[in-house]
Protein backbone atom coordinates (compact mmCIF):
# COMPACT_ATOMS: atom_id res chain seq x y z
CA MET A 1 138.13 50.29 -52.94
CA ARG A 2 135.30 48.52 -51.55
CA LEU A 3 136.77 48.45 -48.11
CA ALA A 4 139.38 46.51 -49.68
CA ARG A 5 139.39 44.98 -52.95
CA SER A 6 140.90 47.48 -55.25
CA ALA A 7 139.86 47.23 -58.75
CA ASN A 8 137.46 44.47 -58.21
CA ASN A 9 137.32 48.07 -57.90
CA ALA A 10 140.11 49.81 -56.19
CA VAL A 11 139.34 48.22 -52.91
CA HIS A 12 136.03 48.15 -54.48
CA SER A 13 135.85 51.81 -55.18
CA ARG A 14 132.32 52.95 -55.22
CA VAL A 15 133.06 54.65 -58.48
CA SER A 16 129.99 53.88 -60.43
CA GLY A 17 130.76 56.50 -63.05
CA SER A 18 128.12 58.07 -65.17
CA SER A 19 125.69 55.48 -66.45
CA PHE A 20 125.37 55.11 -70.15
CA MET A 21 123.65 52.81 -72.55
CA LEU A 22 125.55 52.18 -75.74
CA MET A 23 122.96 51.30 -78.35
CA PHE A 24 123.66 49.02 -81.25
CA SER A 25 122.98 49.95 -84.85
CA VAL A 26 119.79 48.77 -86.47
CA THR A 27 121.86 46.40 -88.57
CA ALA A 28 123.51 44.75 -85.57
CA LEU A 29 120.21 44.47 -83.73
CA ALA A 30 118.54 42.93 -86.77
CA ALA A 31 121.37 40.44 -87.10
CA SER A 32 121.00 39.48 -83.46
CA MET A 33 117.24 39.01 -83.83
CA SER A 34 117.80 36.93 -86.96
CA PHE A 35 120.30 34.78 -85.10
CA ALA A 36 117.81 34.25 -82.28
CA ALA A 37 115.15 33.14 -84.71
CA SER A 38 117.19 30.89 -86.97
CA SER A 39 120.24 29.50 -85.18
CA SER A 40 120.30 26.11 -83.63
CA ALA A 41 122.13 25.21 -80.47
CA PRO A 42 125.63 23.85 -81.11
CA SER A 43 125.72 20.10 -80.84
CA GLY A 44 127.33 18.59 -77.78
CA PHE A 45 126.39 21.40 -75.39
CA ASN A 46 122.74 21.11 -74.46
CA ASP A 47 121.13 17.90 -73.29
CA GLY A 48 117.75 19.62 -73.04
CA ASP A 49 117.60 18.93 -69.34
CA LEU A 50 118.63 22.21 -67.71
CA VAL A 51 117.26 24.52 -70.42
CA ASP A 52 115.23 23.57 -73.48
CA ASP A 53 116.41 24.10 -77.05
CA ASP A 54 114.45 27.30 -77.54
CA THR A 55 115.92 28.86 -74.38
CA GLN A 56 119.36 27.67 -75.46
CA ARG A 57 118.99 29.43 -78.81
CA ARG A 58 117.80 32.61 -77.12
CA LEU A 59 120.72 32.50 -74.68
CA ILE A 60 123.18 32.12 -77.55
CA ALA A 61 121.66 35.16 -79.24
CA TYR A 62 121.79 37.04 -75.93
CA LEU A 63 125.46 36.16 -75.47
CA THR A 64 126.19 37.15 -79.07
CA ASP A 65 124.64 40.55 -78.39
CA ILE A 66 126.84 40.97 -75.30
CA ASN A 67 129.91 40.10 -77.36
CA GLN A 68 128.99 42.63 -80.02
CA TRP A 69 128.87 45.25 -77.27
CA ILE A 70 132.17 44.09 -75.77
CA MET A 71 133.75 44.49 -79.20
CA THR A 72 132.94 48.21 -79.12
CA LEU A 73 134.98 48.70 -75.93
CA ASP A 74 138.49 48.10 -77.34
CA VAL A 75 139.17 45.51 -74.64
CA GLY A 76 142.40 44.44 -76.30
CA SER A 77 143.96 47.83 -75.61
CA GLY A 78 143.60 47.36 -71.86
CA THR A 79 141.71 50.66 -71.55
CA LEU A 80 137.99 50.49 -72.18
CA LYS A 81 136.35 53.01 -74.44
CA ASN A 82 132.80 54.34 -74.01
CA THR A 83 132.92 54.08 -70.23
CA LYS A 84 134.57 56.01 -67.43
CA ASP A 85 133.92 53.24 -64.93
CA THR A 86 137.43 52.00 -64.05
CA ALA A 87 138.42 51.61 -67.69
CA THR A 88 141.87 50.17 -66.92
CA SER A 89 140.77 47.52 -64.42
CA ILE A 90 142.61 44.27 -65.13
CA PHE A 91 139.83 42.19 -63.61
CA ILE A 92 137.01 43.82 -65.61
CA ASN A 93 138.95 43.66 -68.87
CA GLY A 94 140.08 40.12 -68.12
CA ASN A 95 136.48 39.02 -67.62
CA PHE A 96 135.53 40.53 -70.98
CA ALA A 97 138.38 38.69 -72.70
CA ARG A 98 137.28 35.49 -71.03
CA VAL A 99 133.68 35.97 -72.20
CA LEU A 100 134.94 36.40 -75.77
CA MET A 101 137.02 33.22 -75.54
CA ALA A 102 134.23 31.15 -74.03
CA SER A 103 131.81 32.44 -76.66
CA HIS A 104 134.26 31.48 -79.38
CA THR A 105 134.03 27.87 -78.22
CA ILE A 106 130.25 28.04 -78.55
CA THR A 107 129.87 29.93 -81.85
CA PRO A 108 133.36 30.22 -83.37
CA ASN A 109 134.20 33.81 -84.24
CA LYS A 110 137.79 34.70 -85.08
CA ALA A 111 137.29 38.40 -84.35
CA TRP A 112 136.25 37.61 -80.77
CA LEU A 113 139.22 35.32 -80.25
CA ASP A 114 141.65 37.78 -81.81
CA GLU A 115 140.45 40.57 -79.51
CA ALA A 116 140.75 38.35 -76.45
CA LEU A 117 144.28 37.30 -77.38
CA ARG A 118 145.18 40.95 -78.03
CA TRP A 119 144.16 41.61 -74.43
CA CYS A 120 146.30 38.68 -73.27
CA ASP A 121 149.28 40.10 -75.19
CA GLY A 122 148.88 43.51 -73.59
CA PHE A 123 148.29 42.04 -70.16
CA CYS A 124 151.58 40.16 -70.35
CA SER A 125 153.35 43.36 -71.36
CA GLN A 126 151.91 45.11 -68.30
CA GLN A 127 153.53 42.71 -65.88
CA GLU A 128 155.89 44.40 -63.41
CA LYS A 129 159.09 42.63 -62.40
CA THR A 130 160.61 41.86 -59.03
CA THR A 131 162.84 39.26 -57.34
CA THR A 132 161.49 36.59 -55.03
CA SER A 133 162.73 35.97 -51.50
CA ARG A 134 164.78 33.16 -53.05
CA GLY A 135 166.41 35.43 -55.61
CA GLU A 136 164.38 34.20 -58.58
CA PRO A 137 162.81 36.49 -61.21
CA ALA A 138 159.11 37.06 -60.60
CA GLY A 139 156.30 39.29 -61.80
CA PHE A 140 153.00 40.75 -60.67
CA TRP A 141 150.14 42.89 -61.90
CA SER A 142 148.63 45.96 -60.28
CA ASP A 143 144.87 46.40 -60.22
CA LEU A 144 144.53 49.47 -62.45
CA GLY A 145 147.78 49.26 -64.37
CA PRO A 146 151.50 49.47 -63.58
CA GLY A 147 152.38 51.23 -60.35
CA ARG A 148 148.92 50.99 -58.81
CA ASN A 149 147.72 48.69 -56.03
CA ILE A 150 148.77 45.05 -55.74
CA TYR A 151 145.58 43.13 -54.91
CA PHE A 152 145.45 39.42 -55.52
CA GLY A 153 141.66 39.52 -55.81
CA ASP A 154 141.93 41.45 -59.07
CA ALA A 155 145.18 39.89 -60.23
CA GLY A 156 143.83 36.38 -59.78
CA THR A 157 140.76 37.09 -61.89
CA ALA A 158 142.86 38.54 -64.71
CA ALA A 159 145.58 35.88 -64.52
CA THR A 160 142.92 33.17 -64.74
CA ALA A 161 141.75 34.74 -68.01
CA LEU A 162 145.34 34.49 -69.25
CA THR A 163 145.40 30.76 -68.55
CA ILE A 164 142.31 30.41 -70.75
CA GLY A 165 144.05 32.44 -73.46
CA TYR A 166 147.02 30.09 -73.30
CA ARG A 167 144.86 27.26 -74.63
CA PHE A 168 144.00 29.22 -77.78
CA ALA A 169 147.47 30.68 -78.38
CA ASP A 170 150.07 29.74 -80.97
CA ASP A 171 153.47 28.50 -79.82
CA ALA A 172 155.09 31.95 -79.62
CA ARG A 173 152.25 33.32 -77.56
CA LYS A 174 152.18 30.23 -75.38
CA ARG A 175 155.81 30.81 -74.41
CA LYS A 176 155.12 34.44 -73.58
CA TYR A 177 151.97 33.67 -71.60
CA MET A 178 153.58 30.81 -69.67
CA GLU A 179 156.53 32.97 -68.70
CA ALA A 180 154.16 35.63 -67.33
CA MET A 181 151.97 33.12 -65.49
CA GLU A 182 154.90 31.35 -63.87
CA SER A 183 156.43 34.67 -62.88
CA MET A 184 153.17 35.49 -61.10
CA ALA A 185 153.12 32.05 -59.48
CA ARG A 186 156.65 32.53 -58.12
CA PHE A 187 155.68 35.92 -56.68
CA VAL A 188 152.67 34.45 -54.89
CA ILE A 189 154.52 31.41 -53.57
CA HIS A 190 157.86 33.00 -52.68
CA GLY A 191 157.09 36.71 -52.20
CA SER A 192 159.85 39.23 -52.79
CA GLN A 193 163.11 40.37 -51.23
CA ALA A 194 161.79 43.92 -50.71
CA ASP A 195 158.69 45.99 -51.37
CA PRO A 196 158.11 45.14 -55.04
CA GLN A 197 157.03 48.70 -55.82
CA LYS A 198 159.77 50.36 -53.76
CA LYS A 199 157.33 52.26 -51.56
CA GLY A 200 159.02 51.42 -48.27
CA ARG A 201 156.50 48.81 -47.13
CA ASP A 202 157.25 45.39 -45.72
CA ALA A 203 157.93 42.39 -47.92
CA THR A 204 157.01 38.76 -47.35
CA ARG A 205 158.62 35.41 -48.10
CA SER A 206 155.26 34.18 -49.36
CA PHE A 207 151.72 35.49 -49.77
CA ILE A 208 150.38 32.07 -48.78
CA ILE A 209 149.71 31.40 -45.10
CA ALA A 210 151.76 28.30 -44.33
CA GLU A 211 150.57 27.25 -40.88
CA GLY A 212 147.85 27.60 -38.28
CA PRO A 213 144.05 27.57 -38.73
CA ASP A 214 144.28 29.71 -41.88
CA ARG A 215 146.82 27.48 -43.63
CA GLY A 216 146.33 27.66 -47.38
CA ALA A 217 144.68 31.08 -47.44
CA LEU A 218 146.25 34.06 -49.19
CA GLY A 219 146.75 37.57 -47.96
CA CYS A 220 145.32 40.52 -49.85
CA GLY A 221 148.65 41.79 -51.16
CA TYR A 222 149.04 45.44 -50.21
CA TYR A 223 146.05 47.11 -48.60
CA ALA A 224 145.61 50.63 -47.22
CA GLY A 225 149.32 51.31 -47.53
CA HIS A 226 150.65 48.19 -45.85
CA LEU A 227 151.44 44.56 -46.49
CA SER A 228 148.26 42.62 -45.70
CA MET A 229 148.89 39.01 -44.79
CA LYS A 230 145.69 38.24 -42.89
CA PRO A 231 143.52 35.84 -44.92
CA TYR A 232 141.50 37.46 -47.68
CA THR A 233 138.57 35.45 -49.00
CA ILE A 234 138.64 36.92 -52.49
CA SER A 235 142.36 36.59 -53.20
CA THR A 236 142.27 33.05 -51.82
CA ALA A 237 139.46 32.28 -54.27
CA THR A 238 140.66 34.03 -57.42
CA THR A 239 144.43 33.63 -57.15
CA GLY A 240 144.82 30.63 -54.85
CA GLY A 241 141.90 28.58 -56.12
CA ALA A 242 141.05 29.66 -59.68
CA PHE A 243 144.41 30.81 -61.06
CA PHE A 244 146.49 27.98 -59.64
CA SER A 245 143.90 25.37 -60.66
CA THR A 246 143.75 26.59 -64.25
CA LEU A 247 147.53 27.07 -64.35
CA TYR A 248 147.89 23.46 -63.23
CA SER A 249 145.62 22.44 -66.13
CA VAL A 250 148.18 23.80 -68.63
CA LYS A 251 151.33 22.93 -66.66
CA ALA A 252 151.02 20.07 -64.22
CA ASP A 253 153.45 21.31 -61.58
CA PRO A 254 152.63 19.60 -58.24
CA GLU A 255 153.37 22.85 -56.39
CA TYR A 256 150.58 24.63 -58.27
CA ARG A 257 148.21 21.83 -57.38
CA GLU A 258 149.06 22.08 -53.69
CA VAL A 259 148.45 25.83 -53.65
CA ALA A 260 145.05 25.38 -55.31
CA LEU A 261 144.09 22.53 -52.96
CA GLY A 262 145.06 24.49 -49.87
CA ALA A 263 143.18 27.61 -50.95
CA THR A 264 140.01 25.77 -51.92
CA LYS A 265 139.95 23.72 -48.72
CA TRP A 266 140.32 26.89 -46.66
CA LEU A 267 137.32 28.46 -48.41
CA LEU A 268 135.26 25.38 -47.59
CA GLN A 269 136.54 25.43 -44.03
CA ILE A 270 135.26 28.96 -43.31
CA ARG A 271 131.77 28.31 -44.64
CA LYS A 272 129.08 29.28 -42.10
CA GLU A 273 126.55 26.77 -40.88
CA ASP A 274 123.82 28.31 -43.04
CA GLY A 275 126.00 27.95 -46.14
CA GLU A 276 127.13 31.54 -46.56
CA ILE A 277 130.85 32.11 -47.09
CA PRO A 278 132.12 35.10 -45.10
CA TYR A 279 134.07 37.99 -46.51
CA THR A 280 137.31 38.27 -44.56
CA LEU A 281 139.89 41.00 -45.18
CA ASP A 282 142.90 42.35 -43.30
CA GLY A 283 141.80 40.76 -40.03
CA ALA A 284 138.14 41.76 -40.23
CA VAL A 285 135.06 39.70 -41.07
CA LEU A 286 132.60 41.85 -42.99
CA THR A 287 128.87 41.28 -43.30
CA ILE A 288 128.42 42.93 -46.69
CA TRP A 289 128.79 41.62 -50.27
CA PRO A 290 127.73 38.01 -49.54
CA LEU A 291 126.70 37.36 -53.14
CA ASP A 292 129.86 38.82 -54.63
CA THR A 293 131.89 36.70 -52.20
CA LEU A 294 130.17 33.53 -53.37
CA SER A 295 130.59 34.63 -56.98
CA TYR A 296 134.36 34.77 -56.58
CA CYS A 297 134.49 31.58 -54.53
CA THR A 298 132.65 29.81 -57.35
CA GLU A 299 135.70 30.51 -59.51
CA ALA A 300 137.80 28.44 -57.13
CA PHE A 301 135.31 25.66 -56.49
CA VAL A 302 134.54 24.87 -60.11
CA ALA A 303 138.11 25.31 -61.37
CA ALA A 304 139.50 23.07 -58.62
CA ASP A 305 136.87 20.39 -59.20
CA LYS A 306 137.46 20.43 -62.96
CA HIS A 307 141.24 20.62 -63.12
CA LEU A 308 142.75 19.13 -59.95
CA LYS A 309 140.88 15.83 -60.17
CA ASP A 310 141.45 15.19 -56.48
CA ASP A 311 139.02 12.64 -55.07
CA GLU A 312 139.25 13.93 -51.51
CA LEU A 313 138.59 17.51 -52.58
CA ARG A 314 135.75 16.49 -54.84
CA SER A 315 134.06 14.66 -51.98
CA LEU A 316 134.60 17.66 -49.71
CA LEU A 317 133.18 20.08 -52.29
CA ARG A 318 130.04 18.03 -52.66
CA ARG A 319 129.44 17.76 -48.91
CA ARG A 320 130.39 21.26 -47.86
CA LEU A 321 128.65 23.12 -50.67
CA GLN A 322 125.21 21.55 -50.28
CA PRO A 323 124.20 24.10 -47.59
CA THR A 324 125.67 26.87 -49.74
CA ILE A 325 123.48 25.81 -52.66
CA GLN A 326 120.45 25.96 -50.37
CA TRP A 327 121.52 29.38 -49.07
CA LEU A 328 121.75 30.66 -52.63
CA LEU A 329 118.40 29.19 -53.66
CA ALA A 330 116.72 30.73 -50.63
CA GLY A 331 118.00 34.18 -51.51
CA GLN A 332 116.65 34.28 -55.06
CA HIS A 333 113.96 36.88 -55.73
CA PRO A 334 110.69 35.82 -57.36
CA ASN A 335 111.75 37.58 -60.58
CA GLY A 336 114.82 35.32 -60.83
CA SER A 337 117.53 37.77 -59.74
CA TRP A 338 119.58 38.06 -56.57
CA GLY A 339 120.58 41.09 -54.51
CA GLU A 340 119.75 44.76 -54.55
CA LEU A 341 119.39 46.14 -58.06
CA ARG A 342 122.64 47.67 -59.36
CA SER A 343 124.33 47.46 -55.98
CA GLN A 344 128.05 46.70 -55.83
CA ASP A 345 127.17 43.29 -54.41
CA GLN A 346 124.76 42.50 -57.24
CA GLN A 347 127.15 43.69 -59.96
CA ARG A 348 129.59 40.98 -58.95
CA SER A 349 126.99 38.31 -58.14
CA PRO A 350 126.08 36.61 -61.47
CA ARG A 351 129.00 34.17 -61.36
CA ALA A 352 127.32 32.48 -58.39
CA VAL A 353 124.78 31.10 -60.87
CA SER A 354 127.66 29.03 -62.25
CA LEU A 355 127.81 27.27 -58.89
CA LEU A 356 124.21 26.15 -59.43
CA THR A 357 124.89 24.93 -62.97
CA TRP A 358 128.04 23.11 -61.84
CA TYR A 359 126.22 21.45 -58.94
CA TYR A 360 123.34 20.41 -61.20
CA HIS A 361 125.56 18.84 -63.84
CA THR A 362 128.18 17.22 -61.61
CA VAL A 363 126.55 16.51 -58.24
CA GLU A 364 122.75 16.26 -58.31
CA ARG A 365 120.15 16.95 -60.95
CA ASP A 366 117.87 18.62 -58.46
CA PRO A 367 114.75 20.06 -60.14
CA THR A 368 114.79 22.93 -57.65
CA ILE A 369 118.20 23.99 -58.93
CA ALA A 370 117.06 23.63 -62.53
CA GLU A 371 114.04 25.85 -61.92
CA SER A 372 116.22 28.46 -60.22
CA VAL A 373 118.54 28.62 -63.24
CA ARG A 374 115.59 28.76 -65.63
CA ARG A 375 114.01 31.58 -63.62
CA TYR A 376 117.29 33.52 -63.88
CA CYS A 377 117.33 32.91 -67.64
CA ARG A 378 113.79 34.24 -67.96
CA PHE A 379 114.85 37.31 -66.01
CA LEU A 380 117.81 37.99 -68.32
CA LEU A 381 115.86 37.33 -71.52
CA ASP A 382 113.26 39.97 -70.64
CA PRO A 383 114.73 43.11 -72.28
CA SER A 384 113.39 45.45 -69.60
CA ASN A 385 114.91 43.35 -66.82
CA SER A 386 118.23 43.03 -68.61
CA LYS A 387 118.44 46.80 -69.10
CA ALA A 388 117.51 47.50 -65.47
CA TYR A 389 120.10 44.94 -64.37
CA GLY A 390 122.77 46.92 -66.21
CA VAL A 391 123.70 44.51 -69.02
CA LYS A 392 125.59 46.44 -71.75
CA GLU A 393 125.95 49.34 -69.35
CA LEU A 394 127.52 48.29 -66.06
CA VAL A 395 130.88 46.76 -66.91
CA ARG A 396 131.10 44.45 -63.90
CA THR A 397 127.58 43.10 -64.29
CA THR A 398 127.97 42.54 -68.03
CA GLY A 399 131.22 40.60 -67.71
CA PHE A 400 129.90 38.31 -65.01
CA VAL A 401 126.59 37.80 -66.81
CA GLY A 402 128.50 36.84 -69.95
CA LEU A 403 130.45 34.21 -68.03
CA ALA A 404 127.33 32.87 -66.32
CA VAL A 405 125.38 32.61 -69.58
CA ALA A 406 128.27 30.92 -71.41
CA GLU A 407 128.47 28.37 -68.62
CA ILE A 408 124.72 27.64 -68.87
CA ILE A 409 125.02 27.15 -72.63
CA ALA A 410 128.24 25.12 -72.53
CA PRO A 411 129.25 23.79 -69.11
CA GLY A 412 132.99 24.14 -68.55
CA SER A 413 133.48 26.64 -71.37
CA THR A 414 134.67 29.41 -69.04
CA PHE A 415 137.10 27.24 -67.06
């Protein structure tokens, strides 16, 4: 665990595993190169303002190559092949499924969609059952599979992927997915009557903080052997903000909207004066992983803006995030990347680029933001940089890069 967040790796386990580079066949590589040379950008995505048509085509080819690699991992099984790096992580596998689904909206590919929905099917089957404090049936997911740690940072990321899958599902799948998502929502909102895993720990009537200065924030879940109800930035972002916003987009329950509003407002409330959003966990404020923290908060900010359609929140997002945009721009390296190469912070950082693309398209077409995004694209499209960065090797980096690139190509495609 990374001090705390389990599988976003078991409390951010520093398990980096043995590095590997899975190489594609000559045929697959040739196909990718051919695609890069001949394909045109899908209509309706690129206005030529943020990236030009040539860069758009190259990004589509780059994303296609990532998807080809993802398809070798057996994501749908829930246990990744060809890597020992937390192969059963629900958040890593959920991100891969989400990349496949977003990519399918850009360049339709039934095999990608089928694999993503296979993951959604298995994810639903993994859900563990409990009873809420009100006596209602509820469900939850553990970070590395049934019986492991309950961390809402990881669970929120994966459950958000399931809400995306719901949109592509047939009626039978929709019923199954909705039942699982609402079971999770009841668990978050109303807790459980007893320790849901029967390990003798405390239970809570809700994982949402209902009053005081941290109203709207979520606890971690269970951390270091105990119930952790102090506000956790990441769970508030991924479960409170992202999951409940996207769940509201497929079932307009006012309670889901209120949870998402409360969580997102709390994240904006804790923003530092310089724009950085602090990493809080189990009563401590940590000074590490600032990029990864913003990456996860981006999930909440963009999802809430897109799906809640709340004028007050939209105004607040635009005011409060301007310093955060400047903080992010100031931290970019000359080569277009952010963070220390291959660090745990950097591996989870690419999603923060989606905050820049969202801000550019919905708030202000600032040329400084555009150049920052273009510089990041140039970094990724240099094969030596991409390899050093860990794309198609480091599972966290690759998933987040896939989401960031899809969002550059087709804004809103990952939400």
